[in-house]
Protein backbone atom coordinates (compact mmCIF):
# COMPACT_ATOMS: atom_id res chain seq x y z
CA MET A 1 20.74 -7.80 -9.92
CA LYS A 2 22.09 -6.55 -13.13
CA LYS A 3 25.76 -6.97 -13.97
CA MET A 4 27.92 -5.72 -11.43
CA PHE A 5 28.67 -2.03 -12.31
CA SER A 6 31.65 -0.31 -10.04
CA LEU A 7 30.71 2.60 -8.32
CA LEU A 8 32.64 4.84 -5.87
CA LEU A 9 31.43 7.21 -3.79
CA ILE A 10 31.91 10.92 -2.83
CA LEU A 11 32.84 11.41 0.42
CA LEU A 12 32.22 15.39 1.01
CA LEU A 13 34.13 16.93 3.93
CA ILE A 14 34.19 20.30 5.40
CA THR A 15 37.60 21.07 6.09
CA PRO A 16 39.63 22.84 2.97
CA VAL A 17 42.39 20.19 2.65
CA LEU A 18 41.57 17.31 4.94
CA GLY A 19 45.30 16.94 5.73
CA SER A 20 45.82 14.42 2.61
CA THR A 21 48.87 13.85 1.22
CA THR A 22 48.99 13.67 -2.55
CA TYR A 23 51.44 13.42 -5.13
CA ALA A 24 51.66 14.14 -8.63
CA SER A 25 51.91 10.39 -10.02
CA ASN A 26 48.80 9.22 -8.12
CA THR A 27 46.68 12.21 -9.75
CA VAL A 28 44.26 11.14 -12.53
CA ASN A 29 41.48 12.80 -14.59
CA ALA A 30 37.78 13.07 -13.47
CA LYS A 31 34.74 13.98 -15.56
CA VAL A 32 31.27 14.61 -14.64
CA THR A 33 29.34 11.16 -14.77
CA GLU A 34 26.73 10.65 -17.49
CA SER A 35 24.90 8.41 -15.11
CA SER A 36 21.24 9.46 -13.03
CA THR A 37 20.80 8.35 -9.90
CA TYR A 38 17.63 7.18 -7.87
CA PHE A 39 17.01 6.99 -4.05
CA ASN A 40 14.09 4.75 -3.13
CA GLY A 41 12.59 5.15 -6.66
CA GLU A 42 13.06 9.24 -6.73
CA GLN A 43 15.51 10.73 -9.11
CA ARG A 44 17.98 12.80 -6.97
CA SER A 45 20.50 15.46 -8.45
CA LEU A 46 23.99 14.57 -7.23
CA ASN A 47 27.91 15.77 -7.84
CA GLY A 48 29.19 12.78 -9.54
CA PHE A 49 32.28 12.01 -11.36
CA ASN A 50 33.55 9.54 -13.43
CA ILE A 51 37.22 8.21 -12.66
CA SER A 52 38.68 5.35 -15.06
CA ASN A 53 35.26 4.31 -15.84
CA ASN A 54 34.21 4.28 -12.33
CA ASN A 55 31.37 6.62 -11.02
CA TYR A 56 31.70 8.56 -7.72
CA PHE A 57 29.50 10.59 -5.61
CA ARG A 58 29.54 12.83 -2.46
CA LEU A 59 28.67 11.06 0.91
CA ARG A 60 26.46 13.96 2.38
CA ASP A 61 24.01 13.64 -0.67
CA LEU A 62 23.86 9.74 0.11
CA ALA A 63 23.37 10.96 4.00
CA GLU A 64 20.79 13.23 3.55
CA TYR A 65 18.81 11.30 0.83
CA PHE A 66 18.88 8.35 3.15
CA SER A 67 18.17 10.09 6.23
CA GLY A 68 14.82 8.81 7.64
CA THR A 69 14.96 5.70 6.54
CA SER A 70 16.50 2.28 7.57
CA SER A 71 19.81 3.06 6.08
CA GLN A 72 19.87 6.62 7.52
CA PHE A 73 23.64 7.61 8.77
CA ASP A 74 25.46 10.97 9.95
CA ILE A 75 28.80 12.17 9.25
CA SER A 76 31.60 14.34 11.11
CA TRP A 77 35.34 15.01 10.48
CA ASN A 78 38.02 14.09 13.04
CA LYS A 79 40.64 16.61 12.15
CA GLU A 80 42.80 14.99 15.11
CA ASN A 81 42.84 11.60 13.39
CA ASN A 82 42.34 12.75 9.83
CA ALA A 83 39.64 10.71 9.67
CA ILE A 84 36.19 10.61 8.60
CA GLU A 85 33.65 9.29 11.00
CA ILE A 86 30.62 7.30 9.97
CA LEU A 87 27.42 6.61 12.70
CA THR A 88 24.59 4.55 11.19
CA GLY A 89 21.01 4.26 12.36
CA GLN A 90 21.75 8.30 12.97
CA ALA A 91 19.68 10.63 11.28
CA TYR A 92 21.95 13.30 8.97
CA THR A 93 23.27 16.43 10.21
CA PRO A 94 23.60 18.73 7.88
CA GLU A 95 26.10 21.53 7.86
CA GLU A 96 25.90 25.17 6.97
CA THR A 97 28.97 24.40 4.36
CA ASP A 98 26.98 21.79 2.68
CA GLY A 99 25.92 22.56 -0.89
CA THR A 100 26.42 21.54 -4.28
CA ASN A 101 29.15 22.95 -6.53
CA TYR A 102 28.61 23.58 -10.07
CA TYR A 103 30.77 20.89 -11.97
CA SER A 104 30.89 21.37 -16.24
CA ARG A 105 30.75 18.24 -18.05
CA ASN A 106 33.22 19.88 -20.71
CA ARG A 107 36.19 19.70 -18.60
CA ASN A 108 38.43 17.28 -16.88
CA TYR A 109 39.21 17.47 -13.06
CA SER A 110 42.25 16.69 -11.25
CA ALA A 111 41.75 13.64 -8.74
CA LYS A 112 44.16 12.69 -6.11
CA LEU A 113 44.73 9.67 -4.13
CA SER A 114 43.31 10.32 -0.37
CA THR A 115 45.16 9.53 2.71
CA SER A 116 42.11 10.02 5.14
CA LYS A 117 40.93 7.22 7.18
CA VAL A 118 37.10 6.31 7.08
CA LEU A 119 35.59 4.90 10.48
CA VAL A 120 32.16 3.10 10.38
CA ASN A 121 30.90 3.01 14.17
CA GLY A 122 34.52 3.21 15.42
CA GLN A 123 35.93 0.54 13.07
CA VAL A 124 38.39 1.40 10.53
CA GLN A 125 37.58 0.45 6.99
CA LEU A 126 39.93 0.05 4.20
CA ILE A 127 38.59 1.87 1.07
CA THR A 128 40.46 3.49 -1.41
CA ALA A 129 39.56 7.09 -2.29
CA TYR A 130 40.34 10.10 -4.29
CA ASN A 131 40.32 13.74 -3.54
CA ILE A 132 38.70 16.67 -5.99
CA ASP A 133 38.71 20.39 -5.03
CA GLY A 134 39.33 19.11 -1.09
CA ASN A 135 36.82 16.59 -1.39
CA ASN A 136 37.32 13.31 -0.34
CA TYR A 137 35.87 10.54 -2.73
CA PHE A 138 35.41 6.69 -1.96
CA GLN A 139 34.04 3.35 -3.20
CA LEU A 140 30.42 3.14 -3.25
CA ARG A 141 30.02 -0.71 -2.94
CA ASP A 142 32.49 -0.82 -0.18
CA LEU A 143 30.05 1.43 1.99
CA ALA A 144 26.84 -0.08 0.67
CA VAL A 145 28.17 -3.05 3.06
CA LYS A 146 28.80 -1.51 5.77
CA ILE A 147 26.01 1.25 6.32
CA PRO A 148 24.18 -1.15 4.59
CA PHE A 149 21.81 0.34 1.58
CA ASP A 150 21.26 -1.67 -1.96
CA ILE A 151 22.67 -0.90 -5.20
CA ASP A 152 21.13 -1.69 -8.90
CA TYR A 153 22.54 -0.46 -11.96
CA ASP A 154 20.78 -0.36 -15.12
CA ASN A 155 23.15 -0.16 -18.13
CA GLU A 156 20.54 0.02 -20.73
CA SER A 157 19.18 3.52 -19.10
CA ASN A 158 22.61 3.91 -17.63
CA ARG A 159 20.68 4.47 -14.06
CA ILE A 160 22.30 4.34 -10.59
CA SER A 161 19.45 3.19 -8.06
CA LEU A 162 20.00 3.36 -4.60
CA PHE A 163 17.89 1.41 -2.02
CA SER A 164 17.21 1.80 1.77
CA LYS A 165 18.18 -1.57 4.01
CA THR A 166 15.26 -4.16 2.98
CA PRO A 167 13.95 -5.06 6.55
CA ASP A 168 14.26 -9.13 7.38
CA HIS A 169 10.83 -11.05 5.96
CA ALA A 170 11.08 -8.31 3.31
CA TYR A 171 11.97 -8.66 -0.33
CA ARG A 172 12.53 -6.17 -3.28
CA VAL A 173 11.11 -7.46 -6.60
CA LYS A 174 11.17 -6.72 -10.04
CA THR A 175 8.01 -6.20 -11.92
CA ALA A 176 6.68 -6.73 -15.31
CA PHE A 177 4.67 -3.64 -15.29
CA GLU A 178 4.68 -0.16 -13.76
CA ALA A 179 4.44 0.00 -10.25
CA LYS A 180 1.81 1.96 -9.35
CA ASN A 181 2.09 3.71 -5.87
CA ASN A 182 -0.38 1.70 -3.43
CA ALA A 183 1.62 2.68 0.07
CA GLU A 184 -1.24 2.84 2.70
CA SER A 185 -2.21 6.81 3.71
CA PRO A 186 -2.71 8.71 6.80
CA TYR A 187 -5.96 10.42 5.37
CA PHE A 188 -9.16 9.18 5.53
CA PRO A 189 -11.64 9.75 2.45
CA ARG A 190 -15.35 10.24 2.99
CA TRP A 191 -16.25 7.18 0.96
CA LYS A 192 -14.04 4.46 -0.57
CA SER A 193 -13.09 3.53 -4.35
CA THR A 194 -12.53 0.53 -6.18
CA VAL A 195 -9.59 -1.82 -4.97
CA ALA A 196 -7.27 -1.63 -7.56
CA SER A 197 -4.23 -3.82 -5.99
CA TYR A 198 -5.19 -8.10 -5.19
CA LEU A 199 -2.61 -10.74 -4.08
CA VAL A 200 -3.73 -14.30 -4.34
CA ASN A 201 -2.27 -17.36 -3.32
CA ASN A 202 -2.28 -19.88 -6.37
CA ASN A 203 -1.63 -23.09 -3.50
CA ASP A 204 1.25 -24.04 -5.14
CA GLY A 205 4.09 -22.08 -3.70
CA THR A 206 3.42 -18.81 -6.21
CA VAL A 207 1.17 -16.01 -5.61
CA ASN A 208 -0.31 -13.47 -7.95
CA VAL A 209 -0.08 -9.61 -7.85
CA VAL A 210 -3.67 -8.79 -9.93
CA GLU A 211 -3.69 -4.79 -10.52
CA ALA A 212 -5.76 -2.50 -12.12
CA ASN A 213 -4.59 0.50 -14.00
CA GLU A 214 -4.94 0.89 -17.73
CA GLY A 215 -6.01 -2.39 -18.06
CA VAL A 216 -5.63 -5.52 -15.79
CA THR A 217 -2.11 -7.38 -15.36
CA ILE A 218 -0.81 -10.30 -13.46
CA GLU A 219 2.46 -10.96 -12.10
CA THR A 220 3.67 -14.37 -10.75
CA TYR A 221 6.36 -14.76 -8.39
CA ASN A 222 7.47 -18.27 -6.72
CA GLU A 223 8.53 -19.02 -3.37
CA LYS A 224 12.02 -16.86 -3.79
CA TYR A 225 9.67 -14.04 -4.72
CA GLU A 226 11.10 -14.38 -8.04
CA LEU A 227 8.99 -12.93 -11.26
CA SER A 228 8.35 -15.92 -13.31
CA GLY A 229 5.25 -15.01 -15.27
CA ASN A 230 2.96 -12.20 -16.43
CA LYS A 231 -0.14 -11.52 -18.33
CA GLY A 232 -2.05 -8.46 -19.46
CA ILE A 233 -5.86 -8.31 -20.14
CA PRO A 234 -7.74 -5.33 -21.53
CA TYR A 235 -10.90 -3.99 -20.10
CA GLU A 236 -13.83 -5.10 -21.63
CA LEU A 237 -15.90 -1.82 -20.38
CA PRO A 238 -14.42 1.54 -19.44
CA LEU A 239 -14.53 0.99 -15.62
CA PHE A 240 -13.04 -1.49 -13.42
CA GLY A 241 -15.09 -2.65 -10.62
CA GLY A 242 -13.28 -5.84 -8.76
CA PHE A 243 -11.60 -8.71 -8.92
CA TYR A 244 -12.21 -12.12 -7.04
CA SER A 245 -10.47 -15.38 -7.03
CA GLY A 246 -12.54 -18.05 -6.49
CA GLU A 247 -11.95 -22.09 -5.63
CA LYS A 248 -12.16 -23.17 -9.32
CA TYR A 249 -12.75 -19.92 -11.09
CA ASN A 250 -11.28 -15.90 -11.15
CA TYR A 251 -13.82 -13.05 -11.87
CA ILE A 252 -13.42 -9.24 -12.73
CA ALA A 253 -16.19 -6.97 -12.95
CA PHE A 254 -16.18 -4.17 -15.73
CA GLY A 255 -18.95 -1.40 -15.85
CA GLN A 256 -19.64 1.52 -18.03
CA ASP A 257 -21.68 4.98 -17.35
CA ASN A 258 -25.19 5.15 -18.38
CA ARG A 259 -26.11 8.72 -17.92
CA GLU A 260 -28.61 8.51 -20.40
CA GLU A 261 -30.61 6.11 -18.48
CA ASN A 262 -30.93 3.73 -21.31
CA ASP A 263 -32.94 0.58 -19.73
CA SER A 264 -30.96 -1.71 -22.44
CA LYS A 265 -27.74 -0.36 -21.80
CA GLU A 266 -24.97 -2.73 -20.33
CA VAL A 267 -23.64 -1.28 -17.14
CA ILE A 268 -21.89 -3.90 -15.32
CA ARG A 269 -20.13 -7.30 -16.79
CA ILE A 270 -18.86 -9.85 -14.49
CA VAL A 271 -16.53 -12.24 -16.53
CA ARG A 272 -15.07 -15.60 -15.71
CA TYR A 273 -11.94 -16.94 -16.51
CA ASP A 274 -10.08 -19.76 -15.37
CA LYS A 275 -7.22 -20.13 -13.02
CA SER A 276 -4.86 -18.88 -16.08
CA PHE A 277 -6.87 -15.71 -16.57
CA ASN A 278 -8.53 -17.19 -20.16
CA ARG A 279 -11.79 -16.33 -20.28
CA ILE A 280 -14.50 -18.52 -20.18
CA ASP A 281 -17.75 -16.45 -20.06
CA SER A 282 -19.41 -13.76 -18.40
CA VAL A 283 -22.67 -12.37 -17.02
CA SER A 284 -24.17 -8.65 -18.24
CA ILE A 285 -26.52 -6.53 -16.19
CA LYS A 286 -28.58 -3.73 -17.87
CA GLY A 287 -29.31 -0.14 -16.95
CA GLY A 288 -33.25 -0.76 -16.59
CA GLU A 289 -33.07 -4.00 -14.17
CA SER A 290 -30.63 -2.36 -11.82
CA TYR A 291 -31.45 1.28 -12.11
CA THR A 292 -27.48 2.23 -12.49
CA VAL A 293 -26.56 5.27 -13.84
CA GLU A 294 -22.96 4.75 -12.85
CA PRO A 295 -21.78 1.34 -11.74
CA PHE A 296 -19.17 1.32 -8.55
CA ASP A 297 -19.68 4.77 -7.49
CA ALA A 298 -18.33 5.87 -3.87
CA GLY A 299 -17.48 2.22 -3.15
CA ALA A 300 -15.20 -0.31 -2.90
CA GLY A 301 -17.09 -3.37 -4.24
CA ARG A 302 -16.35 -7.06 -3.30
CA MET A 303 -17.14 -10.92 -4.15
CA ALA A 304 -17.62 -13.94 -2.61
CA GLU A 305 -18.81 -17.37 -3.53
CA ALA A 306 -20.12 -20.69 -1.57
CA GLY A 307 -21.04 -23.75 -4.34
CA ASP A 308 -22.64 -22.05 -7.38
CA THR A 309 -23.45 -19.09 -6.02
CA LEU A 310 -21.60 -15.91 -6.44
CA VAL A 311 -22.34 -12.68 -4.38
CA PHE A 312 -21.03 -9.41 -5.90
CA HIS A 313 -21.79 -6.66 -3.24
CA THR A 314 -20.99 -3.23 -4.60
CA SER A 315 -22.11 0.22 -5.04
CA ARG A 316 -24.15 2.29 -7.66
CA THR A 317 -25.48 5.52 -8.45
CA ARG A 318 -29.19 5.29 -9.22
CA TYR A 319 -31.82 6.53 -11.73
CA THR A 320 -33.21 9.93 -11.12
CA THR A 321 -35.78 9.95 -8.73
CA GLU A 322 -38.95 12.56 -8.22
CA ASP A 323 -36.67 14.75 -6.19
CA ASN A 324 -34.49 14.93 -9.75
CA LEU A 325 -31.34 13.65 -8.23
CA ASN A 326 -29.65 10.24 -8.62
CA HIS A 327 -29.00 8.94 -5.00
CA GLN A 328 -26.00 6.34 -4.55
CA SER A 329 -26.60 3.07 -2.60
CA GLN A 330 -25.15 -0.52 -2.74
CA LEU A 331 -25.99 -2.83 -5.58
CA THR A 332 -25.89 -6.71 -4.74
CA ILE A 333 -25.74 -8.91 -7.65
CA ILE A 334 -26.42 -12.74 -7.08
CA VAL A 335 -24.99 -14.88 -10.00
CA ASN A 336 -25.77 -18.71 -10.45
CA THR A 337 -22.49 -19.30 -11.88
CA LYS A 338 -23.69 -22.77 -13.32
CA SER A 339 -25.95 -21.44 -15.86
CA MET A 340 -24.06 -17.54 -15.56
CA THR A 341 -27.43 -15.82 -14.74
CA VAL A 342 -28.68 -13.43 -12.18
CA SER A 343 -30.96 -14.73 -9.95
CA ASN A 344 -32.18 -11.89 -7.74
CA ASP A 345 -33.75 -8.66 -8.20
CA MET A 346 -31.63 -5.66 -8.79
CA GLY A 347 -34.21 -2.87 -8.65
CA ARG A 348 -34.10 0.78 -7.02
CA PHE A 349 -34.63 -0.52 -3.38
CA GLN A 350 -33.14 -4.02 -2.48
CA GLU A 351 -33.91 -5.74 0.42
CA ASN A 352 -31.03 -5.26 1.97
CA HIS A 353 -30.90 -1.54 0.85
CA VAL A 354 -28.15 0.76 2.09
CA SER A 355 -27.99 4.57 1.30
CA HIS A 356 -25.05 5.92 0.94
CA SER A 357 -23.36 2.91 0.93
CA PHE A 358 -19.41 4.07 1.03
CA ASP A 359 -17.72 0.34 1.35
CA GLN A 360 -19.03 -3.17 0.97
CA TYR A 361 -18.26 -6.70 1.98
CA VAL A 362 -19.62 -9.91 1.63
CA LEU A 363 -18.62 -13.56 2.97
CA PHE A 364 -20.89 -16.57 3.15
CA ASP A 365 -21.91 -18.26 6.57
CA GLY A 366 -22.56 -21.55 5.17
CA ILE A 367 -25.08 -21.11 2.18
CA THR A 368 -25.90 -17.64 3.72
CA HIS A 369 -24.56 -14.32 2.66
CA VAL A 370 -23.44 -12.08 4.66
CA LEU A 371 -23.19 -8.04 3.92
CA VAL A 372 -21.31 -5.15 5.61
CA ASP A 373 -21.92 -1.83 4.25
CA HIS A 374 -20.67 1.61 5.76
CA GLY A 375 -24.23 3.33 5.55
CA ASP A 376 -24.88 7.10 5.73
CA ALA A 377 -27.95 7.94 5.51
CA TYR A 378 -30.35 4.32 5.75
CA PRO A 379 -28.85 3.80 7.91
CA ARG A 380 -26.06 6.19 9.34
CA SER A 381 -24.13 3.34 10.87
CA ILE A 382 -22.17 0.65 10.00
CA VAL A 383 -24.74 -2.11 9.11
CA LEU A 384 -24.97 -6.01 8.43
CA ASN A 385 -27.36 -7.57 6.66
CA LYS A 386 -27.64 -11.58 6.33
CA GLY A 387 -29.88 -12.99 3.76
CA ASN A 388 -30.46 -15.06 0.96
CA GLY A 389 -31.16 -12.28 -1.65
CA THR A 390 -34.59 -12.01 -1.08
CA SER A 391 -35.12 -11.85 2.64
CA TYR A 392 -32.46 -10.24 5.04
CA SER A 393 -32.03 -9.34 8.79
CA GLU A 394 -30.41 -6.45 9.54
CA VAL A 395 -28.52 -4.93 12.70
CA ASP A 396 -26.09 -1.72 13.11
CA LEU A 397 -22.81 -2.65 14.05
CA PHE A 398 -21.75 1.00 15.05
CA ASP A 399 -24.10 4.00 15.44
CA ILE A 400 -22.64 7.00 13.31
CA PRO A 401 -23.61 10.31 15.11
CA GLY A 402 -24.90 13.58 12.72
CA LYS A 403 -27.59 14.03 10.73
CA ILE A 404 -28.80 12.18 7.49
CA GLY A 405 -26.63 12.87 4.50
CA ALA A 406 -23.67 14.42 5.90
CA ASN A 407 -21.16 12.43 4.15
CA THR A 408 -18.33 13.06 6.77
CA THR A 409 -18.55 10.00 9.05
CA GLY A 410 -15.38 9.83 11.44
CA VAL A 411 -15.21 6.22 10.51
CA SER A 412 -13.79 3.87 8.18
CA ILE A 413 -14.07 0.02 7.78
CA GLY A 414 -10.78 -1.65 6.79
CA GLY A 415 -12.01 -5.36 7.17
CA PHE A 416 -14.75 -7.97 7.54
CA GLU A 417 -14.02 -11.76 8.92
CA MET A 418 -16.24 -14.50 10.61
CA SER A 419 -15.25 -16.71 13.44
CA ALA A 420 -16.47 -19.73 14.70
CA ALA A 421 -18.97 -17.74 17.00
CA ASN A 422 -18.68 -13.69 15.85
CA TYR A 423 -18.97 -11.34 12.82
CA ILE A 424 -15.73 -9.37 13.20
CA VAL A 425 -15.47 -5.75 11.68
CA ALA A 426 -11.83 -4.29 11.99
CA MET A 427 -12.39 -0.39 11.61
CA ASN A 428 -11.20 3.02 13.06
CA THR A 429 -13.34 5.78 14.67
CA ILE A 430 -13.03 9.43 15.76
CA ASP A 431 -14.01 10.50 19.29
CA HIS A 432 -17.34 11.71 18.35
CA SER A 433 -17.97 13.54 21.52
CA LEU A 434 -15.08 16.35 19.79
CA VAL A 435 -17.18 16.96 16.68
CA LYS A 436 -19.85 19.83 17.00
CA GLU A 437 -21.33 19.32 13.53
CA TYR A 438 -21.08 16.79 10.55
CA THR A 439 -21.53 18.15 6.92
CA SER A 440 -21.17 16.85 3.85
CA TYR A 441 -17.50 17.94 3.76
CA GLU A 442 -16.04 18.15 7.09
CA MET A 443 -16.32 17.39 10.77
CA VAL A 444 -16.67 20.61 12.81
CA GLY A 445 -14.64 21.28 15.74
CA LEU A 446 -12.42 18.47 15.29
CA GLU A 447 -9.03 19.94 15.07
CA LYS A 448 -7.52 16.84 13.57
CA ASP A 449 -8.77 13.28 12.14
CA GLN A 450 -7.11 11.13 14.59
CA ARG A 451 -8.83 7.70 15.03
CA ASP A 452 -8.82 4.69 17.33
CA ILE A 453 -8.22 1.08 16.24
CA ILE A 454 -11.32 -0.60 17.24
CA LEU A 455 -13.10 -3.90 16.51
CA SER A 456 -17.23 -4.17 16.20
CA VAL A 457 -17.68 -7.93 17.00
CA LEU A 458 -21.68 -9.26 16.68
CA PRO A 459 -22.01 -12.74 18.07
CA LYS A 460 -24.28 -14.85 15.39
CA THR A 461 -26.79 -15.46 18.11
CA SER A 462 -27.27 -11.74 19.17
CA THR A 463 -28.38 -8.61 17.47
CA THR A 464 -25.95 -6.37 19.75
CA ALA A 465 -22.43 -5.73 18.81
CA ASN A 466 -19.58 -5.24 21.34
CA HIS A 467 -16.93 -2.75 20.41
CA ILE A 468 -13.46 -3.31 21.17
CA THR A 469 -10.85 -0.79 21.23
CA LEU A 470 -7.50 -2.30 20.09
CA ALA A 471 -5.16 0.74 20.09
CA LYS A 472 -6.17 4.64 21.10
CA TYR A 473 -4.82 7.36 19.04
CA VAL A 474 -7.02 10.25 19.74
CA GLY A 475 -4.87 12.83 21.67
CA THR A 476 -1.53 11.43 20.78
CA ASN A 477 0.74 12.96 18.18
CA LEU A 478 0.29 10.14 16.06
CA ILE A 479 -2.01 9.01 13.40
CA ALA A 480 -3.39 5.31 12.84
CA SER A 481 -4.38 4.28 9.16
CA ILE A 482 -7.43 2.22 8.51
CA PRO A 483 -6.79 -1.41 9.42
CA LYS A 484 -6.30 -4.70 7.66
CA LEU A 485 -7.63 -7.97 9.00
CA VAL A 486 -6.67 -11.39 8.02
CA LYS A 487 -8.18 -14.45 9.40
CA ILE A 488 -5.81 -17.35 10.08
CA SER A 489 -8.24 -19.94 11.37
CA ASP A 490 -11.87 -20.02 13.13
CA ASN A 491 -10.77 -18.73 16.26
CA LYS A 492 -7.55 -16.64 15.53
CA MET A 493 -6.76 -13.45 13.06
CA MET A 494 -4.50 -10.74 12.69
CA VAL A 495 -5.45 -7.05 12.62
CA LEU A 496 -2.29 -4.59 11.15
CA TRP A 497 -2.41 -0.67 10.88
CA GLN A 498 0.42 1.56 9.67
CA GLU A 499 1.30 4.59 12.29
CA PHE A 500 2.05 8.46 11.00
CA ASP A 501 3.86 10.98 12.68
CA LYS A 502 2.24 14.39 13.23
CA ASP A 503 3.90 15.32 9.63
CA ASP A 504 2.12 12.45 8.14
CA HIS A 505 5.24 10.66 7.61
CA PRO A 506 5.26 6.78 7.50
CA GLY A 507 6.39 5.23 10.80
CA ASP A 508 5.84 1.75 12.07
CA LEU A 509 3.62 -1.12 11.43
CA LYS A 510 1.88 -2.46 14.10
CA TYR A 511 -0.17 -6.06 14.59
CA VAL A 512 -1.80 -7.79 17.07
CA LEU A 513 -3.31 -11.36 16.90
CA ILE A 514 -6.99 -11.53 18.47
CA ASP A 515 -8.87 -14.48 19.14
CA GLY A 516 -12.31 -15.21 17.67
CA ASN A 517 -14.10 -13.06 20.22
CA GLY A 518 -11.90 -9.96 19.37
CA LYS A 519 -9.88 -10.20 21.97
CA ALA A 520 -5.95 -9.38 21.72
CA ILE A 521 -3.74 -12.73 22.16
CA GLY A 522 -0.55 -10.80 23.44
CA ASP A 523 0.92 -7.59 23.00
CA ILE A 524 0.70 -5.21 19.73
CA GLN A 525 4.03 -5.79 17.76
CA THR A 526 6.07 -3.66 15.73
CA LYS A 527 7.85 -4.48 12.17
CA ASP A 528 9.61 -1.70 10.09
CA PHE A 529 7.47 -2.26 7.20
CA VAL A 530 4.82 -0.75 4.55
CA LEU A 531 0.86 -1.44 4.76
CA SER A 532 -0.81 -1.25 1.10
CA GLU A 533 -4.30 -1.26 -0.16
CA CYS A 534 -3.77 -4.49 -1.12
CA ASN A 535 -5.24 -6.84 1.51
CA PRO A 536 -2.30 -9.50 3.31
CA ILE A 537 -3.22 -13.40 2.54
CA ILE A 538 -1.97 -16.08 3.92
CA SER A 539 0.79 -17.96 2.02
CA GLY A 540 2.15 -21.05 3.62
CA ASP A 541 3.20 -20.57 7.17
CA LYS A 542 3.25 -16.57 6.75
CA ILE A 543 1.31 -13.61 6.35
CA VAL A 544 1.99 -11.98 2.93
CA TRP A 545 1.25 -8.69 1.19
CA TYR A 546 3.19 -6.22 -1.32
CA THR A 547 3.50 -2.46 -1.56
CA ASN A 548 4.12 0.02 -4.21
CA SER A 549 6.19 2.94 -3.87
CA ASN A 550 8.45 5.14 -5.95
CA GLY A 551 8.05 2.84 -9.14
CA TYR A 552 9.18 -0.57 -7.02
CA ARG A 553 7.94 -3.41 -5.11
CA LEU A 554 8.35 -4.70 -1.77
CA PHE A 555 6.92 -8.02 -0.73
CA TYR A 556 6.36 -8.20 3.16
CA SER A 557 5.91 -11.23 5.46
CA ILE A 558 5.13 -11.96 8.85
CA PRO A 559 5.71 -15.49 9.93
CA LEU A 560 3.06 -17.26 11.89
CA ASN A 561 5.02 -19.60 14.02
């Protein structure tokens, strides 16, 4: 928190005089404030005054801008008791006389001490107030404690920032770089894009936030979520393809387009760093050996390691074919990290070929890597491949209706993990019986893209997946986001998703524990949290993630005990 800056709050009342008693000796000058004001990161225009070097703002503006948040409150005027009554937790009810009067910065206004009382949830509060043009103005920090909400003041920019109440087990933090919005969305893209937000457990009580914007940025937070360090890494090639924190090293994939189909052009570079993000070495993939025109296209791309083997399972647009098209598919790169060389064939059609591949996941089961793709054409399903780079066994986890090449699928993957006995994919799906036709751009006949939260569970000894519905949303007035999946142990995981209302406004976070067979352990739980692109991690005895919204960052945590 910056140096304390005294702020006072305008309480706008609807009655002309509000029964206030004023005296000439208690009259002071007021001038329009020069401070800018932000609510939850968004700048808002308010009537504000400076009186004796303190800033004052309208209460009804505050109530309007906090409405719908954890700090919402309603206001009424009790004429009989000469009192302003505030009810916390209630949506704000605007009045017809609400409006912003124009005040000039070039003149002084008369401010008088007010005798009106203030009641918060029926309790009288001792707050000094002034009256200007029939409106009562009260101290902001007094109300911030009572309502409550948070205040920050930046002296350098003369900026007042007001934030709705931070929920328990959530922490608003400082950032070293711009916090670009990464909050979860109620919309479902036809295909994924490269993940740009990562959280890393450093196993020493600290975590790293790693983000890809104009460059790769790293911010370190201690166990109290205090910013303790930062670093920036410029892109080595124009495109960012993914980040992975391994046991001993960190890896970042960069890439560049190869529209000219130049066989000798470097299209992907996987760079290895130590745990302090000092560059060690890299491995390059050329256009000719990978048939790549555009790396990372229409996919997310993820990495995993076992011993000296690193697998980067990503996507690409391939060289022009005989039908004069550049087809999109997965691209699986296996790196020997001892020599930093590629050890598998990356030709036009790999043994685990999936085209289109709209999302990619990878993990290791012992020394064998297991791949999951959100397929579209070959096959049109969620597909799992298990192998060693030269041979694979393939299983369809979830068949997707519709003709080959129809890019709309009505499903999205959110996580892939392994229990002692099963491979588990967290995903969502529409009711496919409602769709008349799938095209490249829409699902004909589907009025609203609502999806149930489901698991696709494949026993390691089987070729048939089981589907478990965790939460139904089709036909309701809510939308559920793409779910997240966090592994806690070999036989316990957590599935998390964000709810949105019919107007796409974020609602509650929902989460449920599942066992190693995908069955729910207990009831679905609710938190006033916001999910993000960042995949939650285990840190100590908590599940932790962060969300950037409107230029600020919040860490959220769910205790495991």
